[in-house]
Amino acid sequence: MPQPVTAQDLGIDLQAGGEGALFKWMLASFLMGKRIRAATAVNANRVMVDRYRHDTPRSLVKCTHRELVRMLGEGGYARYDESTARRLRALVAKLENEIWRNARRNERGQQRP
């Protein structure tokens, strides 16, 4: 049985990394949730986060379906790239629209005197 991949293996500091670290770990977890080798999912995560700097929902939601498929392909996805791209796009849109945007709105509201 393969060894589990941890946030630390990916250089993600969940203790001190804040929202950015949580998003990076969520993205990695999403990619590893498919029936695919962990090494392929890790590689696809590195392509998206490290090579193309899509490390926030806002950045990733701006990608077209084709761009997501291309990045997944660069990471080694072949069989699941289309369906994964669709699901990933829907997930990051939901995160950006419902969670991160509300969190930023709440932070601004709390900072007002």
C-alpha atoms as a PDB file:
ATOM      1  CA  MET A   1       0.000   0.000   0.000  1.00  0.00           C
ATOM      2  CA  PRO A   2       1.415   3.434  -0.941  1.00  0.00           C
ATOM      3  CA  GLN A   3       2.378   5.910   1.749  1.00  0.00           C
ATOM      4  CA  PRO A   4      -0.167   8.675   2.362  1.00  0.00           C
ATOM      5  CA  VAL A   5       0.737  12.138   1.126  1.00  0.00           C
ATOM      6  CA  THR A   6       0.668  14.833   3.785  1.00  0.00           C
ATOM      7  CA  ALA A   7       0.453  18.604   3.559  1.00  0.00           C
ATOM      8  CA  GLN A   8       4.021  18.706   4.817  1.00  0.00           C
ATOM      9  CA  ASP A   9       5.119  16.506   1.882  1.00  0.00           C
ATOM     10  CA  LEU A  10       3.788  19.219  -0.414  1.00  0.00           C
ATOM     11  CA  GLY A  11       5.414  22.064   1.512  1.00  0.00           C
ATOM     12  CA  ILE A  12       2.080  23.293   2.888  1.00  0.00           C
ATOM     13  CA  ASP A  13       2.168  24.654   6.433  1.00  0.00           C
ATOM     14  CA  LEU A  14      -1.388  24.270   7.696  1.00  0.00           C
ATOM     15  CA  GLN A  15      -0.525  25.753  11.108  1.00  0.00           C
ATOM     16  CA  ALA A  16       0.824  29.084   9.909  1.00  0.00           C
ATOM     17  CA  GLY A  17      -0.274  29.263   6.288  1.00  0.00           C
ATOM     18  CA  GLY A  18      -3.774  30.677   6.714  1.00  0.00           C
ATOM     19  CA  GLU A  19      -6.386  30.568   3.955  1.00  0.00           C
ATOM     20  CA  GLY A  20      -3.782  30.081   1.247  1.00  0.00           C
ATOM     21  CA  ALA A  21      -2.471  26.917   2.848  1.00  0.00           C
ATOM     22  CA  LEU A  22      -5.993  25.610   3.384  1.00  0.00           C
ATOM     23  CA  PHE A  23      -6.824  26.162  -0.281  1.00  0.00           C
ATOM     24  CA  LYS A  24      -3.619  24.475  -1.448  1.00  0.00           C
ATOM     25  CA  TRP A  25      -4.370  21.459   0.762  1.00  0.00           C
ATOM     26  CA  MET A  26      -7.990  21.369  -0.426  1.00  0.00           C
ATOM     27  CA  LEU A  27      -6.798  21.401  -4.046  1.00  0.00           C
ATOM     28  CA  ALA A  28      -4.293  18.613  -3.390  1.00  0.00           C
ATOM     29  CA  SER A  29      -6.940  16.584  -1.542  1.00  0.00           C
ATOM     30  CA  PHE A  30      -9.398  17.057  -4.391  1.00  0.00           C
ATOM     31  CA  LEU A  31      -6.851  15.851  -6.938  1.00  0.00           C
ATOM     32  CA  MET A  32      -5.882  12.860  -4.804  1.00  0.00           C
ATOM     33  CA  GLY A  33      -9.542  11.919  -4.398  1.00  0.00           C
ATOM     34  CA  LYS A  34      -9.715  10.501  -7.913  1.00  0.00           C
ATOM     35  CA  ARG A  35      -8.825   6.932  -8.798  1.00  0.00           C
ATOM     36  CA  ILE A  36      -5.358   7.904  -9.809  1.00  0.00           C
ATOM     37  CA  ARG A  37      -1.863   7.321  -8.468  1.00  0.00           C
ATOM     38  CA  ALA A  38      -0.957   9.708  -5.660  1.00  0.00           C
ATOM     39  CA  ALA A  39       2.235  10.661  -7.506  1.00  0.00           C
ATOM     40  CA  THR A  40       0.177  11.799 -10.501  1.00  0.00           C
ATOM     41  CA  ALA A  41      -2.145  13.853  -8.299  1.00  0.00           C
ATOM     42  CA  VAL A  42       0.838  15.415  -6.521  1.00  0.00           C
ATOM     43  CA  ASN A  43       2.426  16.240  -9.871  1.00  0.00           C
ATOM     44  CA  ALA A  44      -0.794  17.834 -11.155  1.00  0.00           C
ATOM     45  CA  ASN A  45      -1.026  19.844  -7.937  1.00  0.00           C
ATOM     46  CA  ARG A  46       2.537  21.079  -8.399  1.00  0.00           C
ATOM     47  CA  VAL A  47       1.830  22.038 -12.004  1.00  0.00           C
ATOM     48  CA  MET A  48      -1.181  24.131 -10.959  1.00  0.00           C
ATOM     49  CA  VAL A  49       0.223  25.668  -7.780  1.00  0.00           C
ATOM     50  CA  ASP A  50       3.965  25.922  -8.395  1.00  0.00           C
ATOM     51  CA  ARG A  51       4.330  26.229 -12.160  1.00  0.00           C
ATOM     52  CA  TYR A  52       1.236  28.298 -12.971  1.00  0.00           C
ATOM     53  CA  ARG A  53       0.729  29.952  -9.542  1.00  0.00           C
ATOM     54  CA  HIS A  54      -2.954  29.034  -9.264  1.00  0.00           C
ATOM     55  CA  ASP A  55      -2.896  28.941  -5.488  1.00  0.00           C
ATOM     56  CA  THR A  56      -6.152  30.746  -4.689  1.00  0.00           C
ATOM     57  CA  PRO A  57      -9.763  30.114  -5.680  1.00  0.00           C
ATOM     58  CA  ARG A  58      -9.802  33.502  -7.423  1.00  0.00           C
ATOM     59  CA  SER A  59      -6.834  32.574  -9.596  1.00  0.00           C
ATOM     60  CA  LEU A  60      -8.073  29.095 -10.455  1.00  0.00           C
ATOM     61  CA  VAL A  61     -11.660  30.150 -11.185  1.00  0.00           C
ATOM     62  CA  LYS A  62     -10.361  32.469 -13.910  1.00  0.00           C
ATOM     63  CA  CYS A  63      -8.987  29.479 -15.842  1.00  0.00           C
ATOM     64  CA  THR A  64     -10.958  28.176 -18.776  1.00  0.00           C
ATOM     65  CA  HIS A  65     -11.966  24.540 -18.997  1.00  0.00           C
ATOM     66  CA  ARG A  66      -9.284  24.036 -21.673  1.00  0.00           C
ATOM     67  CA  GLU A  67      -6.596  25.554 -19.444  1.00  0.00           C
ATOM     68  CA  LEU A  68      -7.568  23.256 -16.563  1.00  0.00           C
ATOM     69  CA  VAL A  69      -7.501  20.209 -18.860  1.00  0.00           C
ATOM     70  CA  ARG A  70      -4.082  21.251 -20.192  1.00  0.00           C
ATOM     71  CA  MET A  71      -2.629  21.680 -16.683  1.00  0.00           C
ATOM     72  CA  LEU A  72      -4.082  18.342 -15.572  1.00  0.00           C
ATOM     73  CA  GLY A  73      -2.562  16.741 -18.667  1.00  0.00           C
ATOM     74  CA  GLU A  74       0.829  18.267 -17.886  1.00  0.00           C
ATOM     75  CA  GLY A  75       0.497  16.745 -14.435  1.00  0.00           C
ATOM     76  CA  GLY A  76      -0.084  13.290 -15.860  1.00  0.00           C
ATOM     77  CA  TYR A  77      -3.873  13.033 -15.837  1.00  0.00           C
ATOM     78  CA  ALA A  78      -5.127  11.487 -19.034  1.00  0.00           C
ATOM     79  CA  ARG A  79      -8.177   9.428 -18.282  1.00  0.00           C
ATOM     80  CA  TYR A  80      -9.926  11.839 -15.891  1.00  0.00           C
ATOM     81  CA  ASP A  81      -8.791  15.230 -17.131  1.00  0.00           C
ATOM     82  CA  GLU A  82     -12.119  16.397 -18.621  1.00  0.00           C
ATOM     83  CA  SER A  83     -14.331  15.312 -15.716  1.00  0.00           C
ATOM     84  CA  THR A  84     -11.806  16.517 -13.147  1.00  0.00           C
ATOM     85  CA  ALA A  85     -11.569  19.905 -14.847  1.00  0.00           C
ATOM     86  CA  ARG A  86     -15.376  20.284 -14.754  1.00  0.00           C
ATOM     87  CA  ARG A  87     -15.629  19.289 -11.111  1.00  0.00           C
ATOM     88  CA  LEU A  88     -12.650  21.420 -10.094  1.00  0.00           C
ATOM     89  CA  ARG A  89     -14.035  24.479 -11.854  1.00  0.00           C
ATOM     90  CA  ALA A  90     -17.378  24.054 -10.088  1.00  0.00           C
ATOM     91  CA  LEU A  91     -15.678  23.586  -6.727  1.00  0.00           C
ATOM     92  CA  VAL A  92     -13.436  26.650  -6.958  1.00  0.00           C
ATOM     93  CA  ALA A  93     -16.332  28.776  -8.232  1.00  0.00           C
ATOM     94  CA  LYS A  94     -18.344  27.751  -5.186  1.00  0.00           C
ATOM     95  CA  LEU A  95     -15.402  28.453  -2.890  1.00  0.00           C
ATOM     96  CA  GLU A  96     -14.757  31.849  -4.425  1.00  0.00           C
ATOM     97  CA  ASN A  97     -18.400  32.907  -4.504  1.00  0.00           C
ATOM     98  CA  GLU A  98     -19.671  31.555  -1.228  1.00  0.00           C
ATOM     99  CA  ILE A  99     -16.804  31.073   1.170  1.00  0.00           C
ATOM    100  CA  TRP A 100     -13.802  33.257   0.375  1.00  0.00           C
ATOM    101  CA  ARG A 101     -15.862  36.263  -0.730  1.00  0.00           C
ATOM    102  CA  ASN A 102     -17.982  36.093   2.438  1.00  0.00           C
ATOM    103  CA  ALA A 103     -14.873  35.707   4.586  1.00  0.00           C
ATOM    104  CA  ARG A 104     -13.297  38.799   2.999  1.00  0.00           C
ATOM    105  CA  ARG A 105     -16.567  40.713   3.430  1.00  0.00           C
ATOM    106  CA  ASN A 106     -16.724  39.705   7.106  1.00  0.00           C
ATOM    107  CA  GLU A 107     -13.100  40.726   7.655  1.00  0.00           C
ATOM    108  CA  ARG A 108     -13.752  44.169   6.180  1.00  0.00           C
ATOM    109  CA  GLY A 109     -16.859  44.542   8.355  1.00  0.00           C
ATOM    110  CA  GLN A 110     -14.962  43.605  11.493  1.00  0.00           C
ATOM    111  CA  GLN A 111     -12.201  46.104  10.762  1.00  0.00           C
ATOM    112  CA  ARG A 112     -14.568  49.074  10.686  1.00  0.00           C
ATOM    113  CA  PRO A 113     -14.844  51.065  13.931  1.00  0.00           C
END
